PDB file of N, CA and C in Angstrom:
ATOM      1  N   MET A   1     120.761 131.507  98.085  1.00  0.00           N
ATOM      2  CA  MET A   1     121.387 130.586  97.154  1.00  0.00           C
ATOM      3  C   MET A   1     121.889 129.338  97.877  1.00  0.00           C
ATOM      4  N   GLY A   2     122.522 129.501  99.053  1.00  0.00           N
ATOM      5  CA  GLY A   2     123.040 128.371  99.810  1.00  0.00           C
ATOM      6  C   GLY A   2     121.933 127.449 100.300  1.00  0.00           C
ATOM      7  N   ARG A   3     120.813 128.029 100.698  1.00  0.00           N
ATOM      8  CA  ARG A   3     119.671 127.245 101.172  1.00  0.00           C
ATOM      9  C   ARG A   3     119.121 126.387 100.041  1.00  0.00           C
ATOM     10  N   ASP A   4     119.078 126.957  98.825  1.00  0.00           N
ATOM     11  CA  ASP A   4     118.567 126.227  97.668  1.00  0.00           C
ATOM     12  C   ASP A   4     119.447 125.015  97.367  1.00  0.00           C
ATOM     13  N   ARG A   5     120.760 125.191  97.428  1.00  0.00           N
ATOM     14  CA  ARG A   5     121.688 124.075  97.210  1.00  0.00           C
ATOM     15  C   ARG A   5     121.544 123.008  98.282  1.00  0.00           C
ATOM     16  N   SER A   6     121.406 123.449  99.498  1.00  0.00           N
ATOM     17  CA  SER A   6     121.236 122.531 100.618  1.00  0.00           C
ATOM     18  C   SER A   6     119.962 121.713 100.450  1.00  0.00           C
ATOM     19  N   HIS A   7     118.900 122.376 100.032  1.00  0.00           N
ATOM     20  CA  HIS A   7     117.630 121.684  99.807  1.00  0.00           C
ATOM     21  C   HIS A   7     117.772 120.660  98.677  1.00  0.00           C
ATOM     22  N   LYS A   8     118.448 121.027  97.597  1.00  0.00           N
ATOM     23  CA  LYS A   8     118.651 120.109  96.474  1.00  0.00           C
ATOM     24  C   LYS A   8     119.454 118.885  96.909  1.00  0.00           C
ATOM     25  N   ARG A   9     120.493 119.102  97.717  1.00  0.00           N
ATOM     26  CA  ARG A   9     121.285 117.974  98.224  1.00  0.00           C
ATOM     27  C   ARG A   9     120.432 117.045  99.077  1.00  0.00           C
ATOM     28  N   LYS A  10     119.580 117.641  99.907  1.00  0.00           N
ATOM     29  CA  LYS A  10     118.714 116.853 100.777  1.00  0.00           C
ATOM     30  C   LYS A  10     117.732 116.016  99.956  1.00  0.00           C
ATOM     31  N   VAL A  11     117.131 116.628  98.940  1.00  0.00           N
ATOM     32  CA  VAL A  11     116.190 115.913  98.071  1.00  0.00           C
ATOM     33  C   VAL A  11     116.916 114.803  97.315  1.00  0.00           C
ATOM     34  N   TYR A  12     118.099 115.094  96.801  1.00  0.00           N
ATOM     35  CA  TYR A  12     118.892 114.088  96.088  1.00  0.00           C
ATOM     36  C   TYR A  12     119.179 112.897  97.004  1.00  0.00           C
ATOM     37  N   LYS A  13     119.569 113.163  98.245  1.00  0.00           N
ATOM     38  CA  LYS A  13     119.861 112.085  99.186  1.00  0.00           C
ATOM     39  C   LYS A  13     118.610 111.260  99.473  1.00  0.00           C
ATOM     40  N   GLN A  14     117.469 111.923  99.609  1.00  0.00           N
ATOM     41  CA  GLN A  14     116.226 111.201  99.870  1.00  0.00           C
ATOM     42  C   GLN A  14     115.846 110.312  98.689  1.00  0.00           C
ATOM     43  N   VAL A  15     115.988 110.820  97.470  1.00  0.00           N
ATOM     44  CA  VAL A  15     115.692 110.018  96.280  1.00  0.00           C
ATOM     45  C   VAL A  15     116.629 108.811  96.223  1.00  0.00           C
ATOM     46  N   LYS A  16     117.890 109.037  96.520  1.00  0.00           N
ATOM     47  CA  LYS A  16     118.882 107.957  96.531  1.00  0.00           C
ATOM     48  C   LYS A  16     118.515 106.906  97.583  1.00  0.00           C
ATOM     49  N   ASP A  17     118.113 107.346  98.780  1.00  0.00           N
ATOM     50  CA  ASP A  17     117.733 106.419  99.854  1.00  0.00           C
ATOM     51  C   ASP A  17     116.490 105.614  99.501  1.00  0.00           C
ATOM     52  N   ILE A  18     115.493 106.266  98.901  1.00  0.00           N
ATOM     53  CA  ILE A  18     114.269 105.569  98.504  1.00  0.00           C
ATOM     54  C   ILE A  18     114.592 104.524  97.440  1.00  0.00           C
ATOM     55  N   THR A  19     115.403 104.899  96.457  1.00  0.00           N
ATOM     56  CA  THR A  19     115.791 103.972  95.390  1.00  0.00           C
ATOM     57  C   THR A  19     116.529 102.779  95.974  1.00  0.00           C
ATOM     58  N   LYS A  20     117.441 103.040  96.882  1.00  0.00           N
ATOM     59  CA  LYS A  20     118.202 101.971  97.531  1.00  0.00           C
ATOM     60  C   LYS A  20     117.262 101.016  98.285  1.00  0.00           C
ATOM     61  N   ALA A  21     116.267 101.568  98.972  1.00  0.00           N
ATOM     62  CA  ALA A  21     115.311 100.741  99.716  1.00  0.00           C
ATOM     63  C   ALA A  21     114.536  99.822  98.770  1.00  0.00           C
ATOM     64  N   TYR A  22     114.060 100.362  97.642  1.00  0.00           N
ATOM     65  CA  TYR A  22     113.288  99.554  96.709  1.00  0.00           C
ATOM     66  C   TYR A  22     114.149  98.500  96.010  1.00  0.00           C
ATOM     67  N   LEU A  23     115.377  98.845  95.657  1.00  0.00           N
ATOM     68  CA  LEU A  23     116.271  97.859  95.038  1.00  0.00           C
ATOM     69  C   LEU A  23     116.613  96.738  96.021  1.00  0.00           C
ATOM     70  N   GLY A  24     116.856  97.097  97.269  1.00  0.00           N
ATOM     71  CA  GLY A  24     117.118  96.090  98.300  1.00  0.00           C
ATOM     72  C   GLY A  24     115.932  95.174  98.516  1.00  0.00           C
ATOM     73  N   TRP A  25     114.741  95.746  98.452  1.00  0.00           N
ATOM     74  CA  TRP A  25     113.517  94.963  98.616  1.00  0.00           C
ATOM     75  C   TRP A  25     113.380  93.957  97.478  1.00  0.00           C
ATOM     76  N   ALA A  26     113.692  94.393  96.257  1.00  0.00           N
ATOM     77  CA  ALA A  26     113.641  93.492  95.100  1.00  0.00           C
ATOM     78  C   ALA A  26     114.640  92.352  95.267  1.00  0.00           C
ATOM     79  N   LYS A  27     115.867  92.686  95.683  1.00  0.00           N
ATOM     80  CA  LYS A  27     116.898  91.664  95.891  1.00  0.00           C
ATOM     81  C   LYS A  27     116.506  90.663  96.974  1.00  0.00           C
ATOM     82  N   ALA A  28     115.761  91.134  97.972  1.00  0.00           N
ATOM     83  CA  ALA A  28     115.341  90.271  99.079  1.00  0.00           C
ATOM     84  C   ALA A  28     114.121  89.427  98.716  1.00  0.00           C
ATOM     85  N   GLY A  29     113.619  89.576  97.493  1.00  0.00           N
ATOM     86  CA  GLY A  29     112.499  88.756  97.057  1.00  0.00           C
ATOM     87  C   GLY A  29     111.132  89.335  97.368  1.00  0.00           C
ATOM     88  N   PHE A  30     111.054  90.642  97.550  1.00  0.00           N
ATOM     89  CA  PHE A  30     109.789  91.324  97.821  1.00  0.00           C
ATOM     90  C   PHE A  30     109.069  90.772  99.057  1.00  0.00           C
ATOM     91  N   LYS A  31     109.830  90.413 100.066  1.00  0.00           N
ATOM     92  CA  LYS A  31     109.216  89.941 101.311  1.00  0.00           C
ATOM     93  C   LYS A  31     108.645  91.130 102.060  1.00  0.00           C
ATOM     94  N   VAL A  32     107.448  90.950 102.618  1.00  0.00           N
ATOM     95  CA  VAL A  32     106.790  92.042 103.329  1.00  0.00           C
ATOM     96  C   VAL A  32     106.451  91.637 104.758  1.00  0.00           C
ATOM     97  N   ARG A  33     106.360  92.646 105.590  1.00  0.00           N
ATOM     98  CA  ARG A  33     105.931  92.424 106.970  1.00  0.00           C
ATOM     99  C   ARG A  33     104.435  92.145 106.981  1.00  0.00           C
ATOM    100  N   THR A  34     103.973  91.461 107.988  1.00  0.00           N
ATOM    101  CA  THR A  34     102.544  91.220 108.134  1.00  0.00           C
ATOM    102  C   THR A  34     101.841  92.546 108.430  1.00  0.00           C
ATOM    103  N   PRO A  35     100.561  92.662 108.088  1.00  0.00           N
ATOM    104  CA  PRO A  35      99.828  93.892 108.390  1.00  0.00           C
ATOM    105  C   PRO A  35      99.879  94.242 109.883  1.00  0.00           C
ATOM    106  N   GLU A  36      99.844  93.230 110.745  1.00  0.00           N
ATOM    107  CA  GLU A  36      99.902  93.467 112.186  1.00  0.00           C
ATOM    108  C   GLU A  36     101.246  94.074 112.592  1.00  0.00           C
ATOM    109  N   ARG A  37     102.331  93.574 111.993  1.00  0.00           N
ATOM    110  CA  ARG A  37     103.663  94.073 112.325  1.00  0.00           C
ATOM    111  C   ARG A  37     103.854  95.507 111.816  1.00  0.00           C
ATOM    112  N   ILE A  38     103.335  95.803 110.618  1.00  0.00           N
ATOM    113  CA  ILE A  38     103.414  97.157 110.067  1.00  0.00           C
ATOM    114  C   ILE A  38     102.719  98.131 111.012  1.00  0.00           C
ATOM    115  N   ALA A  39     101.506  97.775 111.439  1.00  0.00           N
ATOM    116  CA  ALA A  39     100.739  98.639 112.349  1.00  0.00           C
ATOM    117  C   ALA A  39     101.450  98.808 113.685  1.00  0.00           C
ATOM    118  N   GLU A  40     102.073  97.737 114.172  1.00  0.00           N
ATOM    119  CA  GLU A  40     102.793  97.791 115.454  1.00  0.00           C
ATOM    120  C   GLU A  40     103.966  98.773 115.388  1.00  0.00           C
ATOM    121  N   ILE A  41     104.764  98.687 114.326  1.00  0.00           N
ATOM    122  CA  ILE A  41     105.907  99.603 114.174  1.00  0.00           C
ATOM    123  C   ILE A  41     105.409 101.039 114.032  1.00  0.00           C
ATOM    124  N   TYR A  42     104.384 101.230 113.224  1.00  0.00           N
ATOM    125  CA  TYR A  42     103.829 102.563 113.006  1.00  0.00           C
ATOM    126  C   TYR A  42     103.316 103.162 114.312  1.00  0.00           C
ATOM    127  N   ASP A  43     102.470 102.407 115.016  1.00  0.00           N
ATOM    128  CA  ASP A  43     101.838 102.919 116.244  1.00  0.00           C
ATOM    129  C   ASP A  43     102.833 103.152 117.381  1.00  0.00           C
ATOM    130  N   ASN A  44     103.763 102.222 117.561  1.00  0.00           N
ATOM    131  CA  ASN A  44     104.664 102.279 118.714  1.00  0.00           C
ATOM    132  C   ASN A  44     105.950 103.068 118.478  1.00  0.00           C
ATOM    133  N   ILE A  45     106.332 103.234 117.213  1.00  0.00           N
ATOM    134  CA  ILE A  45     107.622 103.873 116.951  1.00  0.00           C
ATOM    135  C   ILE A  45     107.493 105.097 116.041  1.00  0.00           C
ATOM    136  N   CYS A  46     107.091 104.880 114.807  1.00  0.00           N
ATOM    137  CA  CYS A  46     107.118 105.967 113.811  1.00  0.00           C
ATOM    138  C   CYS A  46     106.199 107.133 114.148  1.00  0.00           C
ATOM    139  N   SER A  47     104.974 106.849 114.550  1.00  0.00           N
ATOM    140  CA  SER A  47     104.031 107.947 114.793  1.00  0.00           C
ATOM    141  C   SER A  47     104.473 108.847 115.945  1.00  0.00           C
ATOM    142  N   ASN A  48     105.378 108.362 116.793  1.00  0.00           N
ATOM    143  CA  ASN A  48     105.886 109.148 117.920  1.00  0.00           C
ATOM    144  C   ASN A  48     107.278 109.732 117.669  1.00  0.00           C
ATOM    145  N   CYS A  49     107.823 109.479 116.492  1.00  0.00           N
ATOM    146  CA  CYS A  49     109.193 109.904 116.181  1.00  0.00           C
ATOM    147  C   CYS A  49     109.243 111.368 115.754  1.00  0.00           C
ATOM    148  N   GLU A  50     110.304 112.067 116.157  1.00  0.00           N
ATOM    149  CA  GLU A  50     110.470 113.475 115.793  1.00  0.00           C
ATOM    150  C   GLU A  50     110.732 113.672 114.303  1.00  0.00           C
ATOM    151  N   PHE A  51     111.123 112.615 113.583  1.00  0.00           N
ATOM    152  CA  PHE A  51     111.387 112.714 112.149  1.00  0.00           C
ATOM    153  C   PHE A  51     110.205 112.295 111.295  1.00  0.00           C
ATOM    154  N   PHE A  52     109.087 111.942 111.920  1.00  0.00           N
ATOM    155  CA  PHE A  52     107.892 111.524 111.179  1.00  0.00           C
ATOM    156  C   PHE A  52     106.984 112.729 110.955  1.00  0.00           C
ATOM    157  N   GLN A  53     106.556 112.907 109.696  1.00  0.00           N
ATOM    158  CA  GLN A  53     105.639 114.003 109.376  1.00  0.00           C
ATOM    159  C   GLN A  53     104.599 113.501 108.385  1.00  0.00           C
ATOM    160  N   GLN A  54     103.357 113.452 108.816  1.00  0.00           N
ATOM    161  CA  GLN A  54     102.205 113.008 108.029  1.00  0.00           C
ATOM    162  C   GLN A  54     102.397 111.590 107.495  1.00  0.00           C
ATOM    163  N   THR A  55     102.966 111.426 106.305  1.00  0.00           N
ATOM    164  CA  THR A  55     103.127 110.090 105.737  1.00  0.00           C
ATOM    165  C   THR A  55     104.560 109.808 105.288  1.00  0.00           C
ATOM    166  N   LYS A  56     105.528 110.530 105.870  1.00  0.00           N
ATOM    167  CA  LYS A  56     106.903 110.248 105.442  1.00  0.00           C
ATOM    168  C   LYS A  56     107.910 110.478 106.557  1.00  0.00           C
ATOM    169  N   CYS A  57     109.029 109.796 106.412  1.00  0.00           N
ATOM    170  CA  CYS A  57     110.155 109.951 107.327  1.00  0.00           C
ATOM    171  C   CYS A  57     111.003 111.110 106.802  1.00  0.00           C
ATOM    172  N   LEU A  58     111.224 112.105 107.634  1.00  0.00           N
ATOM    173  CA  LEU A  58     112.018 113.253 107.209  1.00  0.00           C
ATOM    174  C   LEU A  58     113.511 112.930 107.154  1.00  0.00           C
ATOM    175  N   LYS A  59     113.918 111.856 107.784  1.00  0.00           N
ATOM    176  CA  LYS A  59     115.331 111.469 107.794  1.00  0.00           C
ATOM    177  C   LYS A  59     115.744 110.847 106.458  1.00  0.00           C
ATOM    178  N   CYS A  60     114.942 109.902 105.938  1.00  0.00           N
ATOM    179  CA  CYS A  60     115.305 109.232 104.690  1.00  0.00           C
ATOM    180  C   CYS A  60     114.409 109.619 103.516  1.00  0.00           C
ATOM    181  N   GLY A  61     113.248 110.214 103.810  1.00  0.00           N
ATOM    182  CA  GLY A  61     112.340 110.633 102.749  1.00  0.00           C
ATOM    183  C   GLY A  61     111.367 109.561 102.295  1.00  0.00           C
ATOM    184  N   CYS A  62     111.455 108.383 102.879  1.00  0.00           N
ATOM    185  CA  CYS A  62     110.592 107.279 102.458  1.00  0.00           C
ATOM    186  C   CYS A  62     109.160 107.439 102.978  1.00  0.00           C
ATOM    187  N   PRO A  63     108.197 106.933 102.200  1.00  0.00           N
ATOM    188  CA  PRO A  63     106.807 106.961 102.662  1.00  0.00           C
ATOM    189  C   PRO A  63     106.591 105.965 103.799  1.00  0.00           C
ATOM    190  N   ILE A  64     105.861 106.374 104.811  1.00  0.00           N
ATOM    191  CA  ILE A  64     105.573 105.557 105.987  1.00  0.00           C
ATOM    192  C   ILE A  64     104.063 105.574 106.208  1.00  0.00           C
ATOM    193  N   LYS A  65     103.452 104.410 106.199  1.00  0.00           N
ATOM    194  CA  LYS A  65     102.003 104.308 106.399  1.00  0.00           C
ATOM    195  C   LYS A  65     101.688 103.211 107.412  1.00  0.00           C
ATOM    196  N   ARG A  66     100.526 103.322 108.031  1.00  0.00           N
ATOM    197  CA  ARG A  66     100.093 102.325 109.009  1.00  0.00           C
ATOM    198  C   ARG A  66      99.597 101.059 108.322  1.00  0.00           C
ATOM    199  N   GLU A  67      99.103 101.184 107.107  1.00  0.00           N
ATOM    200  CA  GLU A  67      98.528 100.050 106.380  1.00  0.00           C
ATOM    201  C   GLU A  67      99.007 100.038 104.943  1.00  0.00           C
ATOM    202  N   GLY A  68      98.998  98.859 104.357  1.00  0.00           N
ATOM    203  CA  GLY A  68      99.278  98.714 102.936  1.00  0.00           C
ATOM    204  C   GLY A  68     100.732  98.433 102.614  1.00  0.00           C
ATOM    205  N   ILE A  69     100.934  97.899 101.424  1.00  0.00           N
ATOM    206  CA  ILE A  69     102.260  97.527 100.961  1.00  0.00           C
ATOM    207  C   ILE A  69     102.806  98.567 100.000  1.00  0.00           C
ATOM    208  N   ARG A  70     101.982  99.004  99.078  1.00  0.00           N
ATOM    209  CA  ARG A  70     102.414  99.932  98.042  1.00  0.00           C
ATOM    210  C   ARG A  70     102.823 101.277  98.634  1.00  0.00           C
ATOM    211  N   GLY A  71     104.025 101.715  98.300  1.00  0.00           N
ATOM    212  CA  GLY A  71     104.501 103.014  98.766  1.00  0.00           C
ATOM    213  C   GLY A  71     104.621 103.099 100.275  1.00  0.00           C
ATOM    214  N   ASN A  72     105.119 102.025 100.893  1.00  0.00           N
ATOM    215  CA  ASN A  72     105.218 101.994 102.350  1.00  0.00           C
ATOM    216  C   ASN A  72     106.508 101.293 102.776  1.00  0.00           C
ATOM    217  N   LYS A  73     107.471 102.052 103.256  1.00  0.00           N
ATOM    218  CA  LYS A  73     108.749 101.479 103.676  1.00  0.00           C
ATOM    219  C   LYS A  73     108.563 100.448 104.790  1.00  0.00           C
ATOM    220  N   LEU A  74     107.586 100.672 105.664  1.00  0.00           N
ATOM    221  CA  LEU A  74     107.366  99.729 106.763  1.00  0.00           C
ATOM    222  C   LEU A  74     106.997  98.336 106.261  1.00  0.00           C
ATOM    223  N   ALA A  75     106.412  98.251 105.084  1.00  0.00           N
ATOM    224  CA  ALA A  75     106.008  96.956 104.542  1.00  0.00           C
ATOM    225  C   ALA A  75     107.207  96.116 104.096  1.00  0.00           C
ATOM    226  N   MET A  76     108.273  96.774 103.681  1.00  0.00           N
ATOM    227  CA  MET A  76     109.433  96.052 103.154  1.00  0.00           C
ATOM    228  C   MET A  76     110.234  95.416 104.291  1.00  0.00           C
ATOM    229  N   ALA A  77     110.210  94.091 104.357  1.00  0.00           N
ATOM    230  CA  ALA A  77     110.805  93.359 105.484  1.00  0.00           C
ATOM    231  C   ALA A  77     112.313  93.559 105.610  1.00  0.00           C
ATOM    232  N   ASN A  78     112.985  93.936 104.536  1.00  0.00           N
ATOM    233  CA  ASN A  78     114.439  94.100 104.568  1.00  0.00           C
ATOM    234  C   ASN A  78     114.886  95.483 105.025  1.00  0.00           C
ATOM    235  N   THR A  79     113.942  96.394 105.293  1.00  0.00           N
ATOM    236  CA  THR A  79     114.320  97.767 105.637  1.00  0.00           C
ATOM    237  C   THR A  79     114.417  97.986 107.138  1.00  0.00           C
ATOM    238  N   LYS A  80     115.100  99.068 107.491  1.00  0.00           N
ATOM    239  CA  LYS A  80     115.238  99.436 108.903  1.00  0.00           C
ATOM    240  C   LYS A  80     115.138 100.946 109.041  1.00  0.00           C
ATOM    241  N   CYS A  81     114.989 101.391 110.247  1.00  0.00           N
ATOM    242  CA  CYS A  81     114.945 102.820 110.563  1.00  0.00           C
ATOM    243  C   CYS A  81     116.273 103.457 110.128  1.00  0.00           C
ATOM    244  N   PRO A  82     116.236 104.651 109.515  1.00  0.00           N
ATOM    245  CA  PRO A  82     117.458 105.270 109.001  1.00  0.00           C
ATOM    246  C   PRO A  82     118.347 105.952 110.051  1.00  0.00           C
ATOM    247  N   LEU A  83     117.920 105.988 111.300  1.00  0.00           N
ATOM    248  CA  LEU A  83     118.737 106.640 112.328  1.00  0.00           C
ATOM    249  C   LEU A  83     119.994 105.827 112.620  1.00  0.00           C
ATOM    250  N   GLU A  84     121.040 106.497 113.123  1.00  0.00           N
ATOM    251  CA  GLU A  84     122.283 105.795 113.460  1.00  0.00           C
ATOM    252  C   GLU A  84     122.023 104.642 114.416  1.00  0.00           C
ATOM    253  N   GLU A  85     121.163 104.872 115.373  1.00  0.00           N
ATOM    254  CA  GLU A  85     120.700 103.811 116.264  1.00  0.00           C
ATOM    255  C   GLU A  85     119.248 103.525 115.876  1.00  0.00           C
ATOM    256  N   PRO A  86     119.035 102.560 114.962  1.00  0.00           N
ATOM    257  CA  PRO A  86     117.695 102.313 114.426  1.00  0.00           C
ATOM    258  C   PRO A  86     116.672 101.978 115.516  1.00  0.00           C
ATOM    259  N   LYS A  87     115.478 102.554 115.350  1.00  0.00           N
ATOM    260  CA  LYS A  87     114.399 102.291 116.304  1.00  0.00           C
ATOM    261  C   LYS A  87     113.665 101.001 115.952  1.00  0.00           C
ATOM    262  N   TRP A  88     113.814 100.540 114.697  1.00  0.00           N
ATOM    263  CA  TRP A  88     113.295  99.251 114.249  1.00  0.00           C
ATOM    264  C   TRP A  88     114.251  98.730 113.181  1.00  0.00           C
ATOM    265  N   THR A  89     114.336  97.411 113.038  1.00  0.00           N
ATOM    266  CA  THR A  89     115.323  96.816 112.136  1.00  0.00           C
ATOM    267  C   THR A  89     114.678  95.846 111.148  1.00  0.00           C
ATOM    268  N   GLU A  90     115.535  95.249 110.312  1.00  0.00           N
ATOM    269  CA  GLU A  90     115.073  94.279 109.336  1.00  0.00           C
ATOM    270  C   GLU A  90     114.362  93.125 110.041  1.00  0.00           C
ATOM    271  N   GLU A  91     113.403  92.533 109.354  1.00  0.00           N
ATOM    272  CA  GLU A  91     112.706  91.373 109.919  1.00  0.00           C
ATOM    273  C   GLU A  91     113.417  90.106 109.464  1.00  0.00           C
ATOM    274  N   ILE A  92     113.775  89.287 110.415  1.00  0.00           N
ATOM    275  CA  ILE A  92     114.354  87.996 110.076  1.00  0.00           C
ATOM    276  C   ILE A  92     113.490  86.861 110.616  1.00  0.00           C
ATOM    277  N   ASP A  93     112.505  87.230 111.413  1.00  0.00           N
ATOM    278  CA  ASP A  93     111.604  86.255 112.011  1.00  0.00           C
ATOM    279  C   ASP A  93     110.461  85.971 111.035  1.00  0.00           C
ATOM    280  N   ASP A  94     110.378  84.733 110.548  1.00  0.00           N
ATOM    281  CA  ASP A  94     109.379  84.381 109.551  1.00  0.00           C
ATOM    282  C   ASP A  94     107.940  84.621 109.995  1.00  0.00           C
ATOM    283  N   LYS A  95     107.688  84.675 111.294  1.00  0.00           N
ATOM    284  CA  LYS A  95     106.303  84.885 111.735  1.00  0.00           C
ATOM    285  C   LYS A  95     105.825  86.299 111.419  1.00  0.00           C
ATOM    286  N   ASN A  96     106.740  87.214 111.151  1.00  0.00           N
ATOM    287  CA  ASN A  96     106.378  88.596 110.819  1.00  0.00           C
ATOM    288  C   ASN A  96     106.516  88.910 109.331  1.00  0.00           C
ATOM    289  N   ILE A  97     106.760  87.871 108.512  1.00  0.00           N
ATOM    290  CA  ILE A  97     107.009  88.077 107.086  1.00  0.00           C
ATOM    291  C   ILE A  97     106.033  87.250 106.255  1.00  0.00           C
ATOM    292  N   ILE A  98     105.561  87.849 105.166  1.00  0.00           N
ATOM    293  CA  ILE A  98     104.793  87.104 104.174  1.00  0.00           C
ATOM    294  C   ILE A  98     105.442  87.366 102.823  1.00  0.00           C
ATOM    295  N   GLU A  99     105.339  86.408 101.906  1.00  0.00           N
ATOM    296  CA  GLU A  99     105.922  86.587 100.587  1.00  0.00           C
ATOM    297  C   GLU A  99     104.824  86.888  99.591  1.00  0.00           C
ATOM    298  N   ILE A 100     105.108  87.761  98.652  1.00  0.00           N
ATOM    299  CA  ILE A 100     104.163  88.092  97.595  1.00  0.00           C
ATOM    300  C   ILE A 100     104.402  87.109  96.467  1.00  0.00           C
ATOM    301  N   GLU A 101     103.366  86.387  96.098  1.00  0.00           N
ATOM    302  CA  GLU A 101     103.509  85.426  95.008  1.00  0.00           C
ATOM    303  C   GLU A 101     103.300  86.113  93.672  1.00  0.00           C
ATOM    304  N   GLY A 102     103.918  85.562  92.646  1.00  0.00           N
ATOM    305  CA  GLY A 102     103.750  86.109  91.305  1.00  0.00           C
ATOM    306  C   GLY A 102     104.712  87.235  91.028  1.00  0.00           C
ATOM    307  N   LYS A 103     104.449  87.944  89.969  1.00  0.00           N
ATOM    308  CA  LYS A 103     105.335  89.023  89.540  1.00  0.00           C
ATOM    309  C   LYS A 103     104.758  90.370  89.920  1.00  0.00           C
ATOM    310  N   VAL A 104     105.634  91.312  90.081  1.00  0.00           N
ATOM    311  CA  VAL A 104     105.205  92.680  90.304  1.00  0.00           C
ATOM    312  C   VAL A 104     104.844  93.240  88.938  1.00  0.00           C
ATOM    313  N   ARG A 105     103.648  93.777  88.807  1.00  0.00           N
ATOM    314  CA  ARG A 105     103.198  94.249  87.506  1.00  0.00           C
ATOM    315  C   ARG A 105     103.046  95.761  87.487  1.00  0.00           C
ATOM    316  N   VAL A 106     103.255  96.280  86.307  1.00  0.00           N
ATOM    317  CA  VAL A 106     103.010  97.695  86.079  1.00  0.00           C
ATOM    318  C   VAL A 106     101.598  97.787  85.513  1.00  0.00           C
ATOM    319  N   LYS A 107     100.820  98.713  86.004  1.00  0.00           N
ATOM    320  CA  LYS A 107      99.441  98.862  85.552  1.00  0.00           C
ATOM    321  C   LYS A 107      99.396  98.994  84.031  1.00  0.00           C
ATOM    322  N   ASN A 108      98.503  98.243  83.407  1.00  0.00           N
ATOM    323  CA  ASN A 108      98.296  98.247  81.953  1.00  0.00           C
ATOM    324  C   ASN A 108      99.572  97.912  81.171  1.00  0.00           C
ATOM    325  N   GLU A 109     100.373  96.983  81.706  1.00  0.00           N
ATOM    326  CA  GLU A 109     101.653  96.703  81.056  1.00  0.00           C
ATOM    327  C   GLU A 109     101.513  96.099  79.665  1.00  0.00           C
ATOM    328  N   THR A 110     100.396  95.434  79.375  1.00  0.00           N
ATOM    329  CA  THR A 110     100.241  94.814  78.062  1.00  0.00           C
ATOM    330  C   THR A 110      99.519  95.714  77.070  1.00  0.00           C
ATOM    331  N   LYS A 111      99.021  96.832  77.526  1.00  0.00           N
ATOM    332  CA  LYS A 111      98.295  97.749  76.653  1.00  0.00           C
ATOM    333  C   LYS A 111      99.269  98.434  75.704  1.00  0.00           C
ATOM    334  N   LYS A 112      98.927  98.403  74.411  1.00  0.00           N
ATOM    335  CA  LYS A 112      99.777  99.034  73.409  1.00  0.00           C
ATOM    336  C   LYS A 112      99.462 100.526  73.327  1.00  0.00           C
ATOM    337  N   PRO A 113     100.460 101.347  73.005  1.00  0.00           N
ATOM    338  CA  PRO A 113     100.190 102.778  72.891  1.00  0.00           C
ATOM    339  C   PRO A 113      99.251 103.056  71.722  1.00  0.00           C
ATOM    340  N   ASN A 114      98.426 104.065  71.853  1.00  0.00           N
ATOM    341  CA  ASN A 114      97.482 104.446  70.818  1.00  0.00           C
ATOM    342  C   ASN A 114      98.162 105.427  69.872  1.00  0.00           C
ATOM    343  N   ILE A 115      98.635 104.911  68.717  1.00  0.00           N
ATOM    344  CA  ILE A 115      99.311 105.752  67.728  1.00  0.00           C
ATOM    345  C   ILE A 115      98.419 105.814  66.488  1.00  0.00           C
ATOM    346  N   PRO A 116      97.977 107.000  66.097  1.00  0.00           N
ATOM    347  CA  PRO A 116      97.144 107.120  64.901  1.00  0.00           C
ATOM    348  C   PRO A 116      97.856 106.532  63.685  1.00  0.00           C
ATOM    349  N   GLN A 117      97.071 105.972  62.743  1.00  0.00           N
ATOM    350  CA  GLN A 117      97.618 105.290  61.577  1.00  0.00           C
ATOM    351  C   GLN A 117      98.511 106.177  60.722  1.00  0.00           C
ATOM    352  N   ASN A 118      98.217 107.460  60.647  1.00  0.00           N
ATOM    353  CA  ASN A 118      98.974 108.343  59.757  1.00  0.00           C
ATOM    354  C   ASN A 118     100.253 108.874  60.388  1.00  0.00           C
ATOM    355  N   GLN A 119     100.589 108.398  61.597  1.00  0.00           N
ATOM    356  CA  GLN A 119     101.784 108.905  62.252  1.00  0.00           C
ATOM    357  C   GLN A 119     102.738 107.781  62.563  1.00  0.00           C
ATOM    358  N   GLY A 120     104.006 108.082  62.482  1.00  0.00           N
ATOM    359  CA  GLY A 120     105.032 107.130  62.888  1.00  0.00           C
ATOM    360  C   GLY A 120     105.201 107.204  64.387  1.00  0.00           C
ATOM    361  N   GLY A 121     106.071 106.411  64.940  1.00  0.00           N
ATOM    362  CA  GLY A 121     106.304 106.370  66.373  1.00  0.00           C
ATOM    363  C   GLY A 121     106.839 107.671  66.932  1.00  0.00           C
ATOM    364  N   CYS A 122     107.450 108.501  66.076  1.00  0.00           N
ATOM    365  CA  CYS A 122     108.029 109.751  66.568  1.00  0.00           C
ATOM    366  C   CYS A 122     107.008 110.887  66.541  1.00  0.00           C
ATOM    367  N   GLY A 123     105.814 110.629  66.037  1.00  0.00           N
ATOM    368  CA  GLY A 123     104.778 111.660  65.997  1.00  0.00           C
ATOM    369  C   GLY A 123     104.721 112.442  64.696  1.00  0.00           C
ATOM    370  N   CYS A 124     105.629 112.145  63.761  1.00  0.00           N
ATOM    371  CA  CYS A 124     105.605 112.855  62.499  1.00  0.00           C
ATOM    372  C   CYS A 124     104.562 112.206  61.568  1.00  0.00           C
ATOM    373  N   LYS A 125     104.136 112.919  60.573  1.00  0.00           N
ATOM    374  CA  LYS A 125     103.159 112.374  59.623  1.00  0.00           C
ATOM    375  C   LYS A 125     103.924 111.582  58.572  1.00  0.00           C
ATOM    376  N   GLY A 126     103.414 110.388  58.268  1.00  0.00           N
ATOM    377  CA  GLY A 126     104.035 109.631  57.185  1.00  0.00           C
ATOM    378  C   GLY A 126     104.606 108.388  57.587  1.00  0.00           C
TER     379      GLY A 126
END
């Protein structure tokens, strides 16, 4: 029973940390590290870290990848390593940052839901 509670607390903390990272990224204007910088941090730091497992940091629960922006904490220029003594920090050097132009979109955001004519929005007939 105690292990189950401990696991739930750990998962809750990881969800909270991931949410905080994404909200901070939004506030910072969705600035991202360059692909070269992401690969450098991954290769030189994260892939050798005792808290790294496959594609995530076991300390904060965030996804960590060598490439790409989507679902990758390393891409977010405002983030840092979650350890007390961070192994990598926020990027403030513009040469390692690129800005994403336009808006962040949700896939199929303009598509209307398919509701049959004989049903209301709640799914009842009539």
